[in-house]
Protein backbone atom coordinates (compact mmCIF):
# COMPACT_ATOMS: atom_id res chain seq x y z
CA MET A 1 -122.10 -17.04 -17.33
CA LEU A 2 -123.19 -13.39 -17.62
CA ASN A 3 -126.19 -14.07 -15.34
CA PHE A 4 -123.77 -15.26 -12.67
CA LEU A 5 -121.70 -12.10 -12.96
CA ILE A 6 -124.78 -9.86 -12.91
CA SER A 7 -126.61 -11.65 -10.14
CA ASP A 8 -129.90 -10.29 -8.92
CA GLN A 9 -129.45 -11.84 -5.48
CA ILE A 10 -128.47 -8.53 -3.90
CA GLN A 11 -131.56 -6.57 -2.85
CA LEU A 12 -131.91 -3.15 -4.41
CA GLN A 13 -132.10 -1.47 -0.99
CA THR A 14 -128.77 -3.08 -0.13
CA LEU A 15 -127.23 -1.49 -3.23
CA ILE A 16 -128.34 1.91 -1.95
CA TRP A 17 -126.76 1.23 1.45
CA LEU A 18 -123.53 0.20 -0.30
CA ILE A 19 -123.08 3.70 -1.77
CA PRO A 20 -121.40 5.13 1.36
CA ALA A 21 -119.39 1.91 1.76
CA ALA A 22 -118.02 2.16 -1.78
CA PHE A 23 -117.29 5.85 -1.24
CA PHE A 24 -115.39 5.32 2.01
CA ILE A 25 -113.39 2.38 0.60
CA HIS A 26 -112.35 4.46 -2.40
CA ASP A 27 -111.64 7.63 -0.47
CA GLY A 28 -109.75 5.64 2.16
CA GLU A 29 -107.17 4.83 -0.50
CA GLU A 30 -107.02 8.50 -1.43
CA ILE A 31 -106.62 9.58 2.21
CA LEU A 32 -103.75 7.14 2.71
CA MET A 33 -101.91 8.07 -0.48
CA MET A 34 -102.74 11.69 -1.34
CA GLU A 35 -100.23 13.66 0.75
CA ARG A 36 -97.24 11.53 -0.19
CA TRP A 37 -98.26 11.51 -3.84
CA LEU A 38 -98.78 15.29 -3.95
CA ARG A 39 -95.46 15.99 -2.27
CA ASN A 40 -93.74 13.67 -4.80
CA HIS A 41 -95.48 15.39 -7.73
CA GLN A 42 -94.60 19.02 -7.09
CA ASP A 43 -95.98 20.32 -10.42
CA TYR A 44 -99.46 19.00 -9.59
CA PHE A 45 -99.05 20.05 -5.97
CA ARG A 46 -98.37 23.70 -6.93
CA ARG A 47 -101.57 23.83 -8.99
CA MET A 48 -103.62 22.64 -6.01
CA GLU A 49 -101.75 24.86 -3.55
CA ASN A 50 -103.78 27.81 -2.27
CA ARG A 51 -106.85 26.73 -4.27
CA PHE A 52 -107.76 23.78 -2.12
CA ILE A 53 -104.98 22.86 0.25
CA ASP A 54 -102.66 24.67 2.61
CA PRO A 55 -99.15 23.17 2.32
CA GLY A 56 -98.29 24.34 5.85
CA LYS A 57 -100.93 22.02 7.25
CA SER A 58 -101.47 18.28 7.10
CA ILE A 59 -102.83 17.59 3.64
CA THR A 60 -104.05 14.20 4.87
CA LEU A 61 -106.15 15.82 7.60
CA GLN A 62 -107.48 18.50 5.24
CA PHE A 63 -108.48 15.83 2.74
CA THR A 64 -110.02 13.72 5.52
CA VAL A 65 -112.26 16.62 6.56
CA ALA A 66 -113.50 16.91 2.96
CA VAL A 67 -114.09 13.14 2.78
CA LEU A 68 -115.99 13.13 6.07
CA LEU A 69 -118.24 15.98 4.94
CA LEU A 70 -119.04 14.33 1.61
CA GLY A 71 -119.37 10.88 3.21
CA THR A 72 -121.80 12.20 5.81
CA VAL A 73 -123.97 13.74 3.11
CA LEU A 74 -123.81 10.53 1.04
CA SER A 75 -124.87 8.52 4.09
CA LEU A 76 -127.84 10.84 4.61
CA ILE A 77 -128.73 10.55 0.91
CA ALA A 78 -128.56 6.75 1.18
CA PHE A 79 -130.80 6.78 4.27
CA GLY A 80 -133.37 9.02 2.55
CA SER A 81 -133.13 7.08 -0.69
CA VAL A 82 -133.83 3.73 0.99
CA ARG A 83 -136.89 5.26 2.66
CA TRP A 84 -137.99 6.77 -0.67
CA PHE A 85 -137.46 3.45 -2.45
CA GLU A 86 -139.46 1.53 0.15
CA ASN A 87 -142.34 4.05 0.00
CA ASN A 88 -142.40 4.81 -3.74
CA GLY A 89 -140.81 1.78 -5.38
CA ASN A 90 -138.36 3.82 -7.48
CA LEU A 91 -134.85 5.13 -7.07
CA ASN A 92 -134.96 8.88 -6.48
CA LEU A 93 -133.18 11.28 -8.82
CA LEU A 94 -130.48 12.26 -6.37
CA CYS A 95 -129.47 8.68 -5.61
CA ALA A 96 -129.39 7.79 -9.31
CA GLY A 97 -127.20 10.85 -9.89
CA VAL A 98 -124.88 9.88 -7.03
CA LEU A 99 -124.37 6.43 -8.58
CA ALA A 100 -123.56 8.09 -11.91
CA VAL A 101 -121.08 10.46 -10.21
CA ILE A 102 -119.37 7.51 -8.51
CA GLY A 103 -119.00 5.74 -11.86
CA LEU A 104 -117.71 8.89 -13.55
CA ASP A 105 -115.25 9.49 -10.71
CA GLY A 106 -113.90 5.97 -11.19
CA ILE A 107 -113.51 6.54 -14.93
CA LYS A 108 -111.78 9.88 -14.22
CA HIS A 109 -109.25 8.14 -11.93
CA ALA A 110 -108.54 5.44 -14.51
CA PHE A 111 -108.14 8.03 -17.27
CA ILE A 112 -105.76 10.20 -15.23
CA SER A 113 -103.60 7.19 -14.34
CA LEU A 114 -103.48 6.14 -17.99
CA GLN A 115 -102.64 9.67 -19.00
CA GLN A 116 -99.89 9.90 -16.35
CA ARG A 117 -98.79 6.31 -17.07
CA ALA A 118 -98.43 5.87 -13.33
CA TYR A 119 -100.29 5.21 -10.13
CA THR A 120 -102.47 8.06 -8.91
CA PRO A 121 -104.25 8.06 -5.54
CA GLY A 122 -107.57 6.23 -5.76
CA VAL A 123 -107.05 4.41 -9.04
CA ILE A 124 -106.95 0.91 -7.52
CA THR A 125 -110.28 1.23 -5.73
CA ALA A 126 -111.70 3.17 -8.68
CA ILE A 127 -111.10 0.16 -10.91
CA LEU A 128 -111.94 -2.52 -8.34
CA VAL A 129 -114.81 -0.83 -6.46
CA GLU A 130 -116.22 2.39 -7.91
CA ILE A 131 -116.65 1.51 -11.57
CA PRO A 132 -117.98 -2.05 -11.11
CA PHE A 133 -120.26 -1.08 -8.21
CA ALA A 134 -121.76 2.01 -9.85
CA PHE A 135 -122.42 0.35 -13.19
CA TYR A 136 -123.73 -2.83 -11.58
CA ALA A 137 -126.11 -0.84 -9.35
CA LEU A 138 -127.29 1.34 -12.23
CA TYR A 139 -127.82 -1.73 -14.39
CA ARG A 140 -129.83 -3.46 -11.64
CA PHE A 141 -132.07 -0.43 -11.04
CA TYR A 142 -132.55 0.12 -14.77
CA ASP A 143 -133.22 -3.57 -15.43
CA ALA A 144 -135.81 -3.63 -12.62
CA GLY A 145 -137.53 -0.58 -14.12
CA LYS A 146 -136.70 1.56 -11.08
CA ILE A 147 -134.87 4.29 -13.02
CA SER A 148 -134.98 5.61 -16.57
CA ALA A 149 -132.40 7.31 -18.74
CA SER A 150 -134.12 10.66 -18.18
CA SER A 151 -134.17 10.24 -14.38
CA LEU A 152 -130.50 9.29 -14.49
CA ALA A 153 -129.68 12.42 -16.53
CA GLY A 154 -131.75 14.60 -14.19
CA GLY A 155 -130.11 13.05 -11.15
CA LEU A 156 -126.65 13.61 -12.61
CA ALA A 157 -127.55 17.27 -13.24
CA ILE A 158 -128.31 17.57 -9.50
CA ALA A 159 -125.64 15.29 -8.01
CA LEU A 160 -122.60 16.49 -9.96
CA PRO A 161 -122.79 20.17 -8.93
CA LEU A 162 -123.73 19.13 -5.39
CA THR A 163 -120.69 16.85 -5.21
CA LEU A 164 -118.36 19.55 -6.52
CA LEU A 165 -119.78 22.07 -4.03
CA LEU A 166 -119.34 19.64 -1.13
CA VAL A 167 -115.76 18.82 -2.14
CA PHE A 168 -114.94 22.54 -2.40
CA CYS A 169 -116.57 23.27 0.98
CA GLY A 170 -114.84 20.26 2.52
CA TYR A 171 -111.41 21.47 1.40
CA LYS A 172 -112.14 24.99 2.64
CA LEU A 173 -113.35 23.60 5.97
CA GLY A 174 -110.25 21.39 6.15
CA LYS A 175 -107.97 24.39 5.61
CA TRP A 176 -109.82 26.25 8.33
CA VAL A 177 -110.05 23.61 11.09
CA ILE A 178 -106.65 21.92 10.81
CA PRO A 179 -103.90 23.65 12.84
CA TYR A 180 -100.54 24.55 11.32
CA ARG A 181 -97.71 22.09 11.78
CA SER A 182 -94.92 22.93 14.16
CA HIS A 183 -91.49 23.28 12.60
CA GLY A 184 -90.35 20.03 14.23
CA ALA A 185 -93.20 17.96 12.75
């Protein structure tokens, strides 16, 4: 039964290409739900205000700019990682780290929802997409001898700060490029 659940029928290169797909599915849920959720949770909203988002602008559009920046970089990483994998036969550090960050992000979403005892934006796709995909992909690469625990740790040390920097830059860019709402909007 376990062999059926952890099938090796999916090619390893395909798993790399699925990284941006998993990201955009998950962040699509966040884009759709974030603004409404933040406006309904004013205490959390005030903590994010001025640090990342501008409440006078469309939060959805600001968040979308951040998602597009990060998603573009993830797509480029996937492209380079597939080429690396085909030429060298191993998963590169950065791609391994990205998979770990995706899994950790999913766990973070689940933990926050449990802590809040309520829905939080992204938790559904975190549980249904991010966590299973990341851990399945990591298992497959590890089982095939294409990554090691040390390469995973090294990749996480690179990917986590890079992700945080891109999210920060994406929010700043979103605040900058999105026009203010008119009073009638």
